Amino acid sequence: MEPIKIFIVDDSREFLRGVENLLATCPGVMISGTAGSGLEAVELTAAVKPDLVLMDVAMPGMNGLEATKLIKARPDAPAVVILTLYDTIEHRCLAAAAGADGFIPKADFGAYVYDLLDAVSGAHRPLAELIRGAEKTGAGSLPGGVSGNGGGNKCPQ
C-alpha cells in the first residue's frame, strides 16, 4: 500500500516541527512538504500532489481559507483539513464554505490524528465527519450559537 502523502501548512515553524514529529510515529505516512503561507501552499501542492493538506487559517499574506478554496478548485484536489487555534462555529462554517474536507482544532490534533489518517486511507469513517458539526457534513451541531441565526449552531445561509 502506498503511504499517505501529507503536506503541512502553518506559519509557525515550531508547530510544523511538532506535527512532523507526531506524524513520523504513524506508519504509512510520508510528509511530502511544508509551507509557511497560503500562497506557498497553493503553488507547492500543485507540484507535490499530496493526498492530504493540513492547513492553518491565520497566516501572513494569503490565509488558509483562501488557499483552501484555490486548492479545492483543482480537478485533482487533495483532501484539505483545517487545523487551527480558532475553534468557533464561524470558523467551521468558513472552512466548510471554502471546501475543506475537515476541521480539527490544533489542541485536538493529537487525539484525532489516527481517525484522520484512517479516513484519508478510506479505512474507517468518512473524512467529512471530521468537520464535526458544520452544516456541509450533515453531522449534528456544535455547542454554542452563531450570532445572527437565532442562536442556532448551524452555518448561516
N, C-alpha and C. Protein backbone atom coordinates (compact mmCIF):
# COMPACT_ATOMS: atom_id res chain seq x y z
N MET A 1 0.85 -1.19 0.00
CA MET A 1 0.00 0.00 0.00
C MET A 1 0.89 1.24 0.00
N GLU A 2 0.52 2.21 -0.82
CA GLU A 2 1.26 3.48 -0.90
C GLU A 2 1.10 4.27 0.40
N PRO A 3 2.13 4.97 0.83
CA PRO A 3 1.97 5.82 2.02
C PRO A 3 1.05 7.00 1.73
N ILE A 4 0.42 7.50 2.77
CA ILE A 4 -0.40 8.70 2.67
C ILE A 4 0.54 9.89 2.63
N LYS A 5 0.49 10.67 1.56
CA LYS A 5 1.36 11.84 1.41
C LYS A 5 0.66 13.05 2.02
N ILE A 6 1.31 13.64 3.03
CA ILE A 6 0.72 14.75 3.76
C ILE A 6 1.57 16.00 3.58
N PHE A 7 0.89 17.10 3.30
CA PHE A 7 1.51 18.41 3.15
C PHE A 7 1.00 19.28 4.28
N ILE A 8 1.91 19.93 5.02
CA ILE A 8 1.52 20.71 6.21
C ILE A 8 1.76 22.19 5.95
N VAL A 9 0.75 23.01 6.25
CA VAL A 9 0.83 24.45 6.03
C VAL A 9 0.58 25.19 7.34
N ASP A 10 1.60 25.91 7.81
CA ASP A 10 1.48 26.69 9.03
C ASP A 10 2.63 27.68 9.07
N ASP A 11 2.37 28.88 9.55
CA ASP A 11 3.44 29.88 9.61
C ASP A 11 4.31 29.73 10.85
N SER A 12 3.96 28.83 11.75
CA SER A 12 4.77 28.57 12.94
C SER A 12 5.71 27.39 12.67
N ARG A 13 6.99 27.66 12.60
CA ARG A 13 7.98 26.59 12.38
C ARG A 13 7.92 25.58 13.53
N GLU A 14 7.68 26.08 14.74
CA GLU A 14 7.60 25.21 15.90
C GLU A 14 6.43 24.24 15.76
N PHE A 15 5.27 24.74 15.35
CA PHE A 15 4.11 23.87 15.17
C PHE A 15 4.36 22.87 14.04
N LEU A 16 4.95 23.33 12.93
CA LEU A 16 5.28 22.43 11.82
C LEU A 16 6.15 21.27 12.31
N ARG A 17 7.18 21.58 13.08
CA ARG A 17 8.07 20.53 13.60
C ARG A 17 7.31 19.57 14.50
N GLY A 18 6.42 20.10 15.32
CA GLY A 18 5.63 19.24 16.21
C GLY A 18 4.74 18.27 15.44
N VAL A 19 4.07 18.77 14.41
CA VAL A 19 3.20 17.91 13.59
C VAL A 19 4.05 16.89 12.84
N GLU A 20 5.17 17.33 12.29
CA GLU A 20 6.06 16.41 11.59
C GLU A 20 6.53 15.30 12.53
N ASN A 21 6.91 15.66 13.75
CA ASN A 21 7.36 14.66 14.72
C ASN A 21 6.25 13.68 15.08
N LEU A 22 5.03 14.18 15.26
CA LEU A 22 3.90 13.31 15.57
C LEU A 22 3.61 12.37 14.40
N LEU A 23 3.55 12.91 13.19
CA LEU A 23 3.25 12.08 12.02
C LEU A 23 4.35 11.08 11.72
N ALA A 24 5.58 11.38 12.13
CA ALA A 24 6.69 10.45 11.92
C ALA A 24 6.49 9.16 12.70
N THR A 25 5.66 9.19 13.73
CA THR A 25 5.38 8.00 14.52
C THR A 25 4.25 7.16 13.93
N CYS A 26 3.62 7.66 12.88
CA CYS A 26 2.48 6.98 12.27
C CYS A 26 2.95 6.15 11.08
N PRO A 27 2.69 4.85 11.11
CA PRO A 27 3.09 4.02 9.96
C PRO A 27 2.27 4.39 8.72
N GLY A 28 2.88 4.27 7.56
CA GLY A 28 2.18 4.51 6.31
C GLY A 28 1.98 5.96 5.97
N VAL A 29 2.77 6.85 6.59
CA VAL A 29 2.64 8.29 6.36
C VAL A 29 3.96 8.83 5.83
N MET A 30 3.86 9.72 4.84
CA MET A 30 5.04 10.39 4.32
C MET A 30 4.75 11.89 4.27
N ILE A 31 5.62 12.69 4.85
CA ILE A 31 5.48 14.15 4.77
C ILE A 31 5.99 14.54 3.38
N SER A 32 5.11 15.06 2.54
CA SER A 32 5.50 15.41 1.17
C SER A 32 5.97 16.84 1.05
N GLY A 33 5.81 17.63 2.12
CA GLY A 33 6.30 19.00 2.10
C GLY A 33 5.62 19.86 3.14
N THR A 34 6.14 21.08 3.27
CA THR A 34 5.57 22.06 4.19
C THR A 34 5.59 23.43 3.53
N ALA A 35 4.74 24.30 4.02
CA ALA A 35 4.69 25.68 3.54
C ALA A 35 4.36 26.57 4.72
N GLY A 36 4.81 27.83 4.64
CA GLY A 36 4.56 28.79 5.71
C GLY A 36 3.52 29.84 5.37
N SER A 37 2.90 29.71 4.19
CA SER A 37 1.86 30.68 3.80
C SER A 37 0.88 30.00 2.86
N GLY A 38 -0.29 30.63 2.71
CA GLY A 38 -1.30 30.09 1.80
C GLY A 38 -0.83 30.08 0.36
N LEU A 39 -0.19 31.17 -0.07
CA LEU A 39 0.28 31.25 -1.45
C LEU A 39 1.31 30.16 -1.74
N GLU A 40 2.24 29.98 -0.83
CA GLU A 40 3.24 28.93 -0.99
C GLU A 40 2.57 27.56 -1.06
N ALA A 41 1.54 27.34 -0.25
CA ALA A 41 0.81 26.07 -0.25
C ALA A 41 0.14 25.82 -1.59
N VAL A 42 -0.51 26.85 -2.14
CA VAL A 42 -1.18 26.70 -3.44
C VAL A 42 -0.17 26.29 -4.51
N GLU A 43 0.98 26.96 -4.52
CA GLU A 43 2.00 26.67 -5.52
C GLU A 43 2.60 25.28 -5.33
N LEU A 44 2.99 24.95 -4.11
CA LEU A 44 3.70 23.70 -3.87
C LEU A 44 2.80 22.47 -3.96
N THR A 45 1.55 22.57 -3.51
CA THR A 45 0.69 21.39 -3.56
C THR A 45 0.37 21.00 -5.01
N ALA A 46 0.38 21.97 -5.91
CA ALA A 46 0.16 21.65 -7.32
C ALA A 46 1.29 20.77 -7.85
N ALA A 47 2.49 21.00 -7.37
CA ALA A 47 3.65 20.23 -7.83
C ALA A 47 3.80 18.90 -7.09
N VAL A 48 3.55 18.91 -5.79
CA VAL A 48 3.80 17.75 -4.94
C VAL A 48 2.67 16.72 -5.01
N LYS A 49 1.45 17.17 -5.23
CA LYS A 49 0.26 16.33 -5.30
C LYS A 49 0.09 15.41 -4.07
N PRO A 50 -0.08 16.04 -2.90
CA PRO A 50 -0.29 15.23 -1.69
C PRO A 50 -1.69 14.62 -1.67
N ASP A 51 -1.89 13.66 -0.78
CA ASP A 51 -3.22 13.09 -0.55
C ASP A 51 -4.01 13.95 0.43
N LEU A 52 -3.28 14.61 1.33
CA LEU A 52 -3.90 15.38 2.41
C LEU A 52 -3.09 16.64 2.66
N VAL A 53 -3.79 17.77 2.82
CA VAL A 53 -3.16 19.02 3.23
C VAL A 53 -3.73 19.39 4.59
N LEU A 54 -2.84 19.62 5.55
CA LEU A 54 -3.22 20.14 6.86
C LEU A 54 -2.98 21.63 6.81
N MET A 55 -4.03 22.44 6.90
CA MET A 55 -3.97 23.87 6.61
C MET A 55 -4.33 24.73 7.82
N ASP A 56 -3.40 25.60 8.21
CA ASP A 56 -3.68 26.61 9.23
C ASP A 56 -4.57 27.68 8.61
N VAL A 57 -5.25 28.47 9.43
CA VAL A 57 -6.09 29.55 8.92
C VAL A 57 -5.33 30.87 8.87
N ALA A 58 -4.84 31.32 10.02
CA ALA A 58 -4.24 32.65 10.12
C ALA A 58 -2.76 32.59 9.74
N MET A 59 -2.46 33.14 8.57
CA MET A 59 -1.08 33.20 8.10
C MET A 59 -0.89 34.52 7.37
N PRO A 60 0.35 34.98 7.29
CA PRO A 60 0.60 36.24 6.56
C PRO A 60 0.30 36.08 5.07
N GLY A 61 -0.12 37.16 4.45
CA GLY A 61 -0.45 37.09 3.03
C GLY A 61 -1.77 36.37 2.84
N MET A 62 -1.78 35.38 1.99
CA MET A 62 -3.00 34.60 1.74
C MET A 62 -3.28 33.69 2.93
N ASN A 63 -4.49 33.78 3.49
CA ASN A 63 -4.83 32.93 4.62
C ASN A 63 -5.18 31.51 4.16
N GLY A 64 -5.32 30.63 5.11
CA GLY A 64 -5.57 29.23 4.80
C GLY A 64 -6.92 28.95 4.17
N LEU A 65 -7.92 29.78 4.47
CA LEU A 65 -9.24 29.56 3.86
C LEU A 65 -9.21 29.89 2.37
N GLU A 66 -8.55 30.99 2.02
CA GLU A 66 -8.44 31.35 0.61
C GLU A 66 -7.59 30.31 -0.14
N ALA A 67 -6.52 29.86 0.48
CA ALA A 67 -5.68 28.83 -0.14
C ALA A 67 -6.48 27.54 -0.32
N THR A 68 -7.31 27.20 0.65
CA THR A 68 -8.14 26.00 0.54
C THR A 68 -9.08 26.11 -0.65
N LYS A 69 -9.72 27.27 -0.83
CA LYS A 69 -10.61 27.46 -1.99
C LYS A 69 -9.87 27.20 -3.30
N LEU A 70 -8.67 27.75 -3.42
CA LEU A 70 -7.90 27.59 -4.65
C LEU A 70 -7.44 26.15 -4.86
N ILE A 71 -7.00 25.50 -3.81
CA ILE A 71 -6.56 24.10 -3.92
C ILE A 71 -7.74 23.21 -4.26
N LYS A 72 -8.88 23.41 -3.60
CA LYS A 72 -10.05 22.56 -3.83
C LYS A 72 -10.70 22.81 -5.19
N ALA A 73 -10.36 23.92 -5.84
CA ALA A 73 -10.91 24.20 -7.18
C ALA A 73 -10.24 23.35 -8.26
N ARG A 74 -9.15 22.72 -7.95
CA ARG A 74 -8.45 21.88 -8.93
C ARG A 74 -9.20 20.57 -9.14
N PRO A 75 -9.13 20.04 -10.34
CA PRO A 75 -9.83 18.77 -10.60
C PRO A 75 -9.24 17.59 -9.81
N ASP A 76 -7.97 17.63 -9.51
CA ASP A 76 -7.30 16.55 -8.78
C ASP A 76 -6.98 16.95 -7.34
N ALA A 77 -7.87 17.72 -6.74
CA ALA A 77 -7.61 18.31 -5.42
C ALA A 77 -7.43 17.25 -4.34
N PRO A 78 -6.45 17.48 -3.46
CA PRO A 78 -6.29 16.60 -2.31
C PRO A 78 -7.35 16.91 -1.26
N ALA A 79 -7.44 16.06 -0.27
CA ALA A 79 -8.26 16.38 0.90
C ALA A 79 -7.57 17.52 1.64
N VAL A 80 -8.34 18.47 2.15
CA VAL A 80 -7.80 19.57 2.93
C VAL A 80 -8.52 19.60 4.27
N VAL A 81 -7.73 19.54 5.33
CA VAL A 81 -8.28 19.63 6.69
C VAL A 81 -7.72 20.88 7.34
N ILE A 82 -8.62 21.71 7.81
CA ILE A 82 -8.23 22.93 8.52
C ILE A 82 -7.78 22.53 9.92
N LEU A 83 -6.61 23.01 10.29
CA LEU A 83 -6.01 22.71 11.58
C LEU A 83 -5.64 24.06 12.19
N THR A 84 -6.46 24.52 13.16
CA THR A 84 -6.33 25.91 13.61
C THR A 84 -6.58 26.08 15.11
N LEU A 85 -6.11 27.21 15.62
CA LEU A 85 -6.39 27.59 17.00
C LEU A 85 -7.82 28.11 17.16
N TYR A 86 -8.43 28.55 16.06
CA TYR A 86 -9.73 29.23 16.10
C TYR A 86 -10.87 28.23 16.02
N ASP A 87 -11.27 27.69 17.15
CA ASP A 87 -12.31 26.67 17.21
C ASP A 87 -13.65 27.32 17.52
N THR A 88 -14.23 27.98 16.51
CA THR A 88 -15.55 28.59 16.66
C THR A 88 -16.44 28.06 15.55
N ILE A 89 -17.74 28.15 15.76
CA ILE A 89 -18.67 27.73 14.71
C ILE A 89 -18.48 28.57 13.46
N GLU A 90 -18.15 29.85 13.64
CA GLU A 90 -17.92 30.70 12.47
C GLU A 90 -16.75 30.19 11.64
N HIS A 91 -15.66 29.80 12.31
CA HIS A 91 -14.51 29.27 11.57
C HIS A 91 -14.82 27.93 10.93
N ARG A 92 -15.61 27.11 11.59
CA ARG A 92 -16.02 25.83 11.00
C ARG A 92 -16.87 26.07 9.75
N CYS A 93 -17.76 27.04 9.83
CA CYS A 93 -18.60 27.36 8.67
C CYS A 93 -17.77 27.92 7.52
N LEU A 94 -16.82 28.79 7.85
CA LEU A 94 -15.94 29.34 6.81
C LEU A 94 -15.11 28.24 6.18
N ALA A 95 -14.66 27.28 6.99
CA ALA A 95 -13.89 26.15 6.46
C ALA A 95 -14.75 25.32 5.50
N ALA A 96 -15.97 25.05 5.91
CA ALA A 96 -16.88 24.28 5.05
C ALA A 96 -17.16 25.04 3.75
N ALA A 97 -17.38 26.35 3.85
CA ALA A 97 -17.66 27.16 2.66
C ALA A 97 -16.45 27.21 1.73
N ALA A 98 -15.25 27.12 2.27
CA ALA A 98 -14.03 27.14 1.45
C ALA A 98 -13.79 25.79 0.77
N GLY A 99 -14.55 24.78 1.17
CA GLY A 99 -14.40 23.46 0.56
C GLY A 99 -13.57 22.50 1.37
N ALA A 100 -13.23 22.87 2.61
CA ALA A 100 -12.42 21.98 3.45
C ALA A 100 -13.15 20.66 3.67
N ASP A 101 -12.37 19.61 3.73
CA ASP A 101 -12.91 18.27 3.96
C ASP A 101 -12.98 17.93 5.44
N GLY A 102 -12.36 18.75 6.28
CA GLY A 102 -12.36 18.51 7.70
C GLY A 102 -11.89 19.72 8.46
N PHE A 103 -12.12 19.71 9.76
CA PHE A 103 -11.75 20.82 10.63
C PHE A 103 -11.38 20.21 11.97
N ILE A 104 -10.15 20.44 12.40
CA ILE A 104 -9.71 19.93 13.69
C ILE A 104 -8.99 21.06 14.43
N PRO A 105 -9.44 21.39 15.64
CA PRO A 105 -8.70 22.37 16.43
C PRO A 105 -7.29 21.85 16.71
N LYS A 106 -6.31 22.74 16.71
CA LYS A 106 -4.93 22.32 16.96
C LYS A 106 -4.81 21.58 18.29
N ALA A 107 -5.54 22.02 19.29
CA ALA A 107 -5.46 21.39 20.61
C ALA A 107 -5.92 19.93 20.57
N ASP A 108 -6.74 19.56 19.59
CA ASP A 108 -7.29 18.21 19.49
C ASP A 108 -6.57 17.35 18.46
N PHE A 109 -5.58 17.89 17.77
CA PHE A 109 -4.96 17.17 16.66
C PHE A 109 -4.41 15.81 17.09
N GLY A 110 -3.71 15.77 18.20
CA GLY A 110 -3.14 14.50 18.67
C GLY A 110 -4.21 13.44 18.90
N ALA A 111 -5.36 13.86 19.39
CA ALA A 111 -6.46 12.93 19.66
C ALA A 111 -7.13 12.43 18.38
N TYR A 112 -7.07 13.23 17.32
CA TYR A 112 -7.78 12.88 16.08
C TYR A 112 -6.86 12.41 14.95
N VAL A 113 -5.55 12.41 15.16
CA VAL A 113 -4.64 12.11 14.06
C VAL A 113 -4.89 10.71 13.48
N TYR A 114 -5.15 9.72 14.31
CA TYR A 114 -5.36 8.37 13.77
C TYR A 114 -6.69 8.26 13.04
N ASP A 115 -7.75 8.91 13.57
CA ASP A 115 -9.03 8.94 12.84
C ASP A 115 -8.85 9.62 11.49
N LEU A 116 -8.08 10.70 11.48
CA LEU A 116 -7.84 11.44 10.25
C LEU A 116 -7.13 10.56 9.23
N LEU A 117 -6.08 9.89 9.64
CA LEU A 117 -5.33 9.04 8.72
C LEU A 117 -6.17 7.86 8.23
N ASP A 118 -6.99 7.29 9.13
CA ASP A 118 -7.90 6.22 8.71
C ASP A 118 -8.90 6.72 7.68
N ALA A 119 -9.43 7.93 7.90
CA ALA A 119 -10.40 8.50 6.97
C ALA A 119 -9.77 8.76 5.61
N VAL A 120 -8.57 9.29 5.59
CA VAL A 120 -7.90 9.57 4.32
C VAL A 120 -7.59 8.28 3.58
N SER A 121 -7.23 7.25 4.32
CA SER A 121 -6.91 5.97 3.68
C SER A 121 -8.17 5.20 3.30
N GLY A 122 -9.33 5.68 3.77
CA GLY A 122 -10.60 5.01 3.47
C GLY A 122 -10.89 3.85 4.41
N ALA A 123 -10.09 3.71 5.47
CA ALA A 123 -10.23 2.57 6.36
C ALA A 123 -11.45 2.64 7.27
N HIS A 124 -11.85 3.85 7.65
CA HIS A 124 -12.95 3.96 8.62
C HIS A 124 -13.93 5.05 8.21
N ARG A 125 -14.39 5.82 9.20
CA ARG A 125 -15.44 6.80 8.96
C ARG A 125 -15.03 7.83 7.92
N PRO A 126 -16.01 8.42 7.25
CA PRO A 126 -15.70 9.40 6.20
C PRO A 126 -14.98 10.63 6.75
N LEU A 127 -14.09 11.17 5.94
CA LEU A 127 -13.34 12.37 6.30
C LEU A 127 -14.28 13.53 6.61
N ALA A 128 -15.40 13.63 5.92
CA ALA A 128 -16.33 14.74 6.13
C ALA A 128 -16.80 14.82 7.58
N GLU A 129 -16.84 13.72 8.30
CA GLU A 129 -17.27 13.75 9.69
C GLU A 129 -16.31 14.55 10.56
N LEU A 130 -15.08 14.75 10.10
CA LEU A 130 -14.10 15.46 10.91
C LEU A 130 -14.31 16.97 10.91
N ILE A 131 -15.24 17.49 10.12
CA ILE A 131 -15.60 18.90 10.29
C ILE A 131 -16.42 19.02 11.56
N ARG A 132 -16.99 17.95 12.00
CA ARG A 132 -17.71 17.85 13.27
C ARG A 132 -18.69 18.98 13.48
N GLY A 133 -19.78 18.95 12.75
CA GLY A 133 -20.85 19.88 13.05
C GLY A 133 -21.11 20.93 12.00
N ALA A 134 -20.22 21.15 11.07
CA ALA A 134 -20.51 22.13 10.03
C ALA A 134 -21.64 21.60 9.17
N GLU A 135 -22.50 22.47 8.75
CA GLU A 135 -23.70 22.07 8.03
C GLU A 135 -23.38 21.25 6.78
N LYS A 136 -22.26 21.51 6.14
CA LYS A 136 -21.86 20.81 4.92
C LYS A 136 -21.89 19.30 5.11
N THR A 137 -21.54 18.82 6.30
CA THR A 137 -21.40 17.39 6.52
C THR A 137 -22.71 16.71 6.89
N GLY A 138 -23.70 17.50 7.32
CA GLY A 138 -24.94 16.90 7.79
C GLY A 138 -24.76 16.24 9.15
N ALA A 139 -23.66 16.52 9.82
CA ALA A 139 -23.35 15.85 11.08
C ALA A 139 -23.72 16.73 12.27
N GLY A 140 -24.93 16.59 12.76
CA GLY A 140 -25.33 17.24 14.01
C GLY A 140 -25.00 18.71 14.12
N SER A 141 -24.78 19.15 15.35
CA SER A 141 -24.47 20.55 15.60
C SER A 141 -23.50 20.66 16.76
N LEU A 142 -22.93 21.82 16.92
CA LEU A 142 -21.94 22.06 17.96
C LEU A 142 -22.52 22.89 19.07
N PRO A 143 -21.94 22.80 20.26
CA PRO A 143 -22.37 23.68 21.33
C PRO A 143 -22.06 25.13 21.00
N GLY A 144 -22.85 26.03 21.52
CA GLY A 144 -22.64 27.46 21.26
C GLY A 144 -23.41 27.89 20.04
N GLY A 145 -23.75 29.13 19.94
CA GLY A 145 -24.55 29.60 18.82
C GLY A 145 -23.75 30.44 17.86
N VAL A 146 -24.35 30.69 16.75
CA VAL A 146 -23.79 31.61 15.76
C VAL A 146 -24.64 32.85 15.81
N SER A 147 -24.03 33.98 16.09
CA SER A 147 -24.83 35.20 16.18
C SER A 147 -25.46 35.50 14.83
N GLY A 148 -26.67 35.93 14.86
CA GLY A 148 -27.34 36.29 13.63
C GLY A 148 -28.18 35.16 13.04
N ASN A 149 -28.19 33.99 13.65
CA ASN A 149 -29.07 32.95 13.13
C ASN A 149 -29.97 32.40 14.23
N GLY A 150 -30.34 33.27 15.14
CA GLY A 150 -31.28 32.86 16.19
C GLY A 150 -30.62 32.02 17.27
N GLY A 151 -29.31 32.05 17.37
CA GLY A 151 -28.65 31.28 18.41
C GLY A 151 -28.43 29.82 18.06
N GLY A 152 -28.79 29.43 16.84
CA GLY A 152 -28.60 28.03 16.44
C GLY A 152 -27.14 27.72 16.21
N ASN A 153 -26.87 26.45 15.97
CA ASN A 153 -25.50 26.00 15.80
C ASN A 153 -25.13 25.74 14.36
N LYS A 154 -26.00 25.99 13.45
CA LYS A 154 -25.73 25.70 12.04
C LYS A 154 -25.16 26.92 11.34
N CYS A 155 -24.51 26.66 10.22
CA CYS A 155 -23.93 27.73 9.44
C CYS A 155 -25.04 28.61 8.89
N PRO A 156 -24.86 29.93 8.93
CA PRO A 156 -25.86 30.81 8.34
C PRO A 156 -25.96 30.59 6.83
N GLN A 157 -27.14 30.77 6.31
CA GLN A 157 -27.35 30.55 4.86
C GLN A 157 -26.85 31.73 4.05
